[in-house]
Amino acid sequence: MGEWLVYYVHNELNYYLDLADHKEIKDPKKLFDRLKDGCEWEFPFAFE
């Protein structure tokens, strides 16, 4: 099936956060929490 490349656009730049499979996309809250736990320290502006 493949994976999704999850990124955040900030000040016209793309910040690549992680990969997610199709099952994860079906539960956006769970995916957001996983991304926040793993990426917030490096990209805090993506989770404001």
N, C-alpha and C. Protein backbone atom coordinates (compact mmCIF):
# COMPACT_ATOMS: atom_id res chain seq x y z
N MET A 1 0.81 -1.20 0.00
CA MET A 1 0.00 0.00 0.00
C MET A 1 0.85 1.26 0.00
N GLY A 2 1.96 1.26 0.67
CA GLY A 2 2.80 2.44 0.69
C GLY A 2 2.67 3.23 1.97
N GLU A 3 3.38 4.33 2.00
CA GLU A 3 3.39 5.19 3.19
C GLU A 3 3.18 6.64 2.77
N TRP A 4 2.76 7.43 3.71
CA TRP A 4 2.60 8.86 3.53
C TRP A 4 3.83 9.57 4.09
N LEU A 5 4.30 10.56 3.40
CA LEU A 5 5.34 11.44 3.91
C LEU A 5 4.63 12.58 4.61
N VAL A 6 4.84 12.70 5.91
CA VAL A 6 4.14 13.72 6.71
C VAL A 6 5.07 14.91 6.87
N TYR A 7 4.60 16.07 6.42
CA TYR A 7 5.41 17.28 6.53
C TYR A 7 4.55 18.45 6.96
N TYR A 8 5.22 19.52 7.39
CA TYR A 8 4.55 20.72 7.86
C TYR A 8 5.16 21.90 7.10
N VAL A 9 4.33 22.79 6.58
CA VAL A 9 4.81 23.98 5.87
C VAL A 9 4.84 25.14 6.85
N HIS A 10 6.01 25.78 6.95
CA HIS A 10 6.20 26.92 7.86
C HIS A 10 7.10 27.93 7.16
N ASN A 11 6.62 29.16 7.04
CA ASN A 11 7.39 30.22 6.37
C ASN A 11 7.88 29.77 4.99
N GLU A 12 6.98 29.13 4.25
CA GLU A 12 7.23 28.68 2.88
C GLU A 12 8.31 27.60 2.77
N LEU A 13 8.62 26.94 3.88
CA LEU A 13 9.57 25.82 3.88
C LEU A 13 8.84 24.56 4.32
N ASN A 14 9.22 23.42 3.77
CA ASN A 14 8.65 22.13 4.16
C ASN A 14 9.54 21.49 5.22
N TYR A 15 8.93 21.10 6.32
CA TYR A 15 9.62 20.39 7.39
C TYR A 15 9.08 18.97 7.42
N TYR A 16 9.91 18.02 7.06
CA TYR A 16 9.50 16.62 6.98
C TYR A 16 9.57 16.01 8.37
N LEU A 17 8.42 15.55 8.86
CA LEU A 17 8.31 15.09 10.23
C LEU A 17 8.49 13.58 10.36
N ASP A 18 7.88 12.82 9.46
CA ASP A 18 7.92 11.36 9.62
C ASP A 18 7.22 10.69 8.45
N LEU A 19 7.19 9.38 8.48
CA LEU A 19 6.40 8.57 7.56
C LEU A 19 5.22 8.00 8.33
N ALA A 20 4.12 7.79 7.65
CA ALA A 20 2.95 7.16 8.27
C ALA A 20 2.33 6.20 7.27
N ASP A 21 1.89 5.05 7.76
CA ASP A 21 1.21 4.14 6.85
C ASP A 21 -0.27 4.50 6.78
N HIS A 22 -0.97 3.85 5.88
CA HIS A 22 -2.37 4.20 5.62
C HIS A 22 -3.27 3.97 6.83
N LYS A 23 -2.95 3.00 7.67
CA LYS A 23 -3.75 2.75 8.87
C LYS A 23 -3.68 3.94 9.82
N GLU A 24 -2.51 4.54 9.94
CA GLU A 24 -2.34 5.67 10.86
C GLU A 24 -3.15 6.89 10.42
N ILE A 25 -3.33 7.07 9.13
CA ILE A 25 -4.07 8.21 8.61
C ILE A 25 -5.53 8.15 9.04
N LYS A 26 -6.03 6.94 9.29
CA LYS A 26 -7.43 6.78 9.69
C LYS A 26 -7.71 7.27 11.11
N ASP A 27 -6.67 7.46 11.92
CA ASP A 27 -6.82 7.96 13.29
C ASP A 27 -5.95 9.21 13.45
N PRO A 28 -6.44 10.37 12.99
CA PRO A 28 -5.62 11.58 12.99
C PRO A 28 -5.12 12.00 14.37
N LYS A 29 -5.92 11.81 15.40
CA LYS A 29 -5.51 12.20 16.76
C LYS A 29 -4.31 11.37 17.21
N LYS A 30 -4.37 10.07 16.97
CA LYS A 30 -3.26 9.19 17.35
C LYS A 30 -2.00 9.55 16.57
N LEU A 31 -2.15 9.82 15.28
CA LEU A 31 -1.00 10.21 14.45
C LEU A 31 -0.42 11.53 14.94
N PHE A 32 -1.28 12.51 15.22
CA PHE A 32 -0.81 13.79 15.72
C PHE A 32 -0.03 13.61 17.02
N ASP A 33 -0.56 12.82 17.93
CA ASP A 33 0.11 12.59 19.21
C ASP A 33 1.48 11.94 19.00
N ARG A 34 1.56 10.99 18.09
CA ARG A 34 2.85 10.33 17.81
C ARG A 34 3.84 11.32 17.22
N LEU A 35 3.38 12.13 16.29
CA LEU A 35 4.26 13.13 15.68
C LEU A 35 4.71 14.15 16.71
N LYS A 36 3.79 14.58 17.55
CA LYS A 36 4.13 15.56 18.58
C LYS A 36 5.16 15.00 19.55
N ASP A 37 4.95 13.76 19.99
CA ASP A 37 5.90 13.13 20.91
C ASP A 37 7.29 13.01 20.31
N GLY A 38 7.36 12.74 19.02
CA GLY A 38 8.65 12.52 18.39
C GLY A 38 9.31 13.74 17.79
N CYS A 39 8.52 14.78 17.49
CA CYS A 39 9.06 15.90 16.71
C CYS A 39 8.96 17.27 17.38
N GLU A 40 8.17 17.38 18.42
CA GLU A 40 7.92 18.71 18.99
C GLU A 40 9.21 19.37 19.49
N TRP A 41 10.13 18.59 20.02
CA TRP A 41 11.38 19.17 20.53
C TRP A 41 12.18 19.85 19.41
N GLU A 42 12.06 19.31 18.18
CA GLU A 42 12.83 19.86 17.06
C GLU A 42 12.05 20.90 16.26
N PHE A 43 10.73 20.72 16.18
CA PHE A 43 9.87 21.61 15.39
C PHE A 43 8.70 22.09 16.24
N PRO A 44 8.94 22.85 17.31
CA PRO A 44 7.85 23.26 18.20
C PRO A 44 6.78 24.09 17.50
N PHE A 45 7.16 24.84 16.49
CA PHE A 45 6.21 25.69 15.76
C PHE A 45 5.16 24.87 15.01
N ALA A 46 5.43 23.61 14.76
CA ALA A 46 4.48 22.76 14.04
C ALA A 46 3.34 22.28 14.94
N PHE A 47 3.47 22.49 16.23
CA PHE A 47 2.48 21.95 17.17
C PHE A 47 1.87 23.02 18.06
N GLU A 48 1.98 24.27 17.65
CA GLU A 48 1.41 25.37 18.45
C GLU A 48 -0.09 25.43 18.30
